[in-house]
């Protein structure tokens, strides 16, 4: 999916915290919420279309979606994660 060397140098565009690949179980959960129309991005817009993966910020507050093997590293497109 994402090259390990690239992942080491990538960071959150807002806070510059390190990011890591999301666990498959989290992606499955988010995709179920997307399919049910229950998931919004940080800008408050509904998330449409299945995500292939995600990059989770170190503080676990936001996930940046991966679509077609391309990480969407836009702050407003981040998906808030609840504990």
C-alpha atoms as a PDB file:
ATOM      1  CA  UNK A   1       0.000   0.000   0.000  1.00  0.00           C
ATOM      2  CA  UNK A   2       2.261   2.820   1.212  1.00  0.00           C
ATOM      3  CA  UNK A   3       6.016   2.466   1.067  1.00  0.00           C
ATOM      4  CA  UNK A   4       7.460   2.066   4.572  1.00  0.00           C
ATOM      5  CA  UNK A   5      10.215   4.617   3.909  1.00  0.00           C
ATOM      6  CA  UNK A   6       7.653   7.165   2.754  1.00  0.00           C
ATOM      7  CA  UNK A   7       5.494   6.517   5.803  1.00  0.00           C
ATOM      8  CA  UNK A   8       8.475   7.288   8.068  1.00  0.00           C
ATOM      9  CA  UNK A   9       8.780  10.829   6.701  1.00  0.00           C
ATOM     10  CA  UNK A  10       5.067  11.619   6.416  1.00  0.00           C
ATOM     11  CA  UNK A  11       3.272  13.489   9.190  1.00  0.00           C
ATOM     12  CA  UNK A  12      -0.029  15.135   9.999  1.00  0.00           C
ATOM     13  CA  UNK A  13      -0.302  18.342   7.946  1.00  0.00           C
ATOM     14  CA  UNK A  14      -1.885  20.169  10.882  1.00  0.00           C
ATOM     15  CA  UNK A  15       0.132  19.163  13.942  1.00  0.00           C
ATOM     16  CA  UNK A  16       3.140  17.459  12.334  1.00  0.00           C
ATOM     17  CA  UNK A  17       2.597  14.429  14.551  1.00  0.00           C
ATOM     18  CA  UNK A  18       3.756  11.084  13.186  1.00  0.00           C
ATOM     19  CA  UNK A  19       1.151   8.962  11.428  1.00  0.00           C
ATOM     20  CA  UNK A  20       0.754   5.212  11.122  1.00  0.00           C
ATOM     21  CA  UNK A  21      -1.301   2.824   9.045  1.00  0.00           C
ATOM     22  CA  UNK A  22      -4.757   2.128  10.423  1.00  0.00           C
ATOM     23  CA  UNK A  23      -5.624  -1.396  11.484  1.00  0.00           C
ATOM     24  CA  UNK A  24      -7.890  -3.268   9.032  1.00  0.00           C
ATOM     25  CA  UNK A  25     -10.604  -3.635  11.703  1.00  0.00           C
ATOM     26  CA  UNK A  26     -10.825   0.174  12.012  1.00  0.00           C
ATOM     27  CA  UNK A  27     -11.135   0.554   8.234  1.00  0.00           C
ATOM     28  CA  UNK A  28     -13.926  -2.055   8.187  1.00  0.00           C
ATOM     29  CA  UNK A  29     -15.768  -0.200  10.961  1.00  0.00           C
ATOM     30  CA  UNK A  30     -15.452   3.145   9.162  1.00  0.00           C
ATOM     31  CA  UNK A  31     -16.590   1.643   5.855  1.00  0.00           C
ATOM     32  CA  UNK A  32     -19.708   0.273   7.571  1.00  0.00           C
ATOM     33  CA  UNK A  33     -20.436   3.777   8.906  1.00  0.00           C
ATOM     34  CA  UNK A  34     -19.835   5.273   5.450  1.00  0.00           C
ATOM     35  CA  UNK A  35     -22.238   2.765   3.867  1.00  0.00           C
ATOM     36  CA  UNK A  36     -24.875   3.653   6.481  1.00  0.00           C
ATOM     37  CA  UNK A  37     -24.392   7.394   5.859  1.00  0.00           C
ATOM     38  CA  UNK A  38     -23.260   7.924   9.460  1.00  0.00           C
ATOM     39  CA  UNK A  39     -19.738   9.284   8.989  1.00  0.00           C
ATOM     40  CA  UNK A  40     -18.684  12.898   8.550  1.00  0.00           C
ATOM     41  CA  UNK A  41     -15.259  14.361   7.892  1.00  0.00           C
ATOM     42  CA  UNK A  42     -13.704  17.135   9.916  1.00  0.00           C
ATOM     43  CA  UNK A  43     -15.449  19.776   7.786  1.00  0.00           C
ATOM     44  CA  UNK A  44     -18.821  18.245   8.702  1.00  0.00           C
ATOM     45  CA  UNK A  45     -19.432  16.827   5.230  1.00  0.00           C
ATOM     46  CA  UNK A  46     -20.630  13.240   4.782  1.00  0.00           C
ATOM     47  CA  UNK A  47     -17.872  10.832   3.818  1.00  0.00           C
ATOM     48  CA  UNK A  48     -18.874   9.212   0.541  1.00  0.00           C
ATOM     49  CA  UNK A  49     -17.304   6.187  -1.019  1.00  0.00           C
ATOM     50  CA  UNK A  50     -15.434   3.332   0.593  1.00  0.00           C
ATOM     51  CA  UNK A  51     -11.912   3.988   1.842  1.00  0.00           C
ATOM     52  CA  UNK A  52      -9.096   1.552   1.077  1.00  0.00           C
ATOM     53  CA  UNK A  53      -7.110   2.346   4.194  1.00  0.00           C
ATOM     54  CA  UNK A  54      -6.096   5.193   6.433  1.00  0.00           C
ATOM     55  CA  UNK A  55      -3.312   6.983   8.231  1.00  0.00           C
ATOM     56  CA  UNK A  56      -3.937   7.615  11.906  1.00  0.00           C
ATOM     57  CA  UNK A  57      -2.433  10.593  13.687  1.00  0.00           C
ATOM     58  CA  UNK A  58      -0.280   9.698  16.711  1.00  0.00           C
ATOM     59  CA  UNK A  59      -2.852  11.087  19.182  1.00  0.00           C
ATOM     60  CA  UNK A  60      -5.501   8.837  17.544  1.00  0.00           C
ATOM     61  CA  UNK A  61      -7.913  11.760  17.066  1.00  0.00           C
ATOM     62  CA  UNK A  62      -8.014  11.774  13.244  1.00  0.00           C
ATOM     63  CA  UNK A  63      -7.602   9.424  10.312  1.00  0.00           C
ATOM     64  CA  UNK A  64      -6.544  10.574   6.859  1.00  0.00           C
ATOM     65  CA  UNK A  65      -8.266   8.323   4.317  1.00  0.00           C
ATOM     66  CA  UNK A  66      -6.479   6.391   1.596  1.00  0.00           C
ATOM     67  CA  UNK A  67      -8.329   6.043  -1.699  1.00  0.00           C
ATOM     68  CA  UNK A  68      -6.913   4.229  -4.748  1.00  0.00           C
ATOM     69  CA  UNK A  69      -3.587   3.923  -2.849  1.00  0.00           C
ATOM     70  CA  UNK A  70      -3.360   7.719  -2.511  1.00  0.00           C
ATOM     71  CA  UNK A  71      -3.422   9.259   0.980  1.00  0.00           C
ATOM     72  CA  UNK A  72      -5.752  12.242   1.222  1.00  0.00           C
ATOM     73  CA  UNK A  73      -3.741  14.499   3.530  1.00  0.00           C
ATOM     74  CA  UNK A  74      -6.156  17.441   3.611  1.00  0.00           C
ATOM     75  CA  UNK A  75      -7.088  18.660   7.093  1.00  0.00           C
ATOM     76  CA  UNK A  76     -10.801  19.057   6.257  1.00  0.00           C
ATOM     77  CA  UNK A  77     -10.938  15.538   4.774  1.00  0.00           C
ATOM     78  CA  UNK A  78      -9.637  13.935   7.984  1.00  0.00           C
ATOM     79  CA  UNK A  79     -12.107  11.637   9.712  1.00  0.00           C
ATOM     80  CA  UNK A  80     -12.541  12.261  13.448  1.00  0.00           C
ATOM     81  CA  UNK A  81     -12.041   9.116  15.534  1.00  0.00           C
ATOM     82  CA  UNK A  82     -13.942   8.686  18.771  1.00  0.00           C
ATOM     83  CA  UNK A  83     -12.538   6.702  21.692  1.00  0.00           C
END
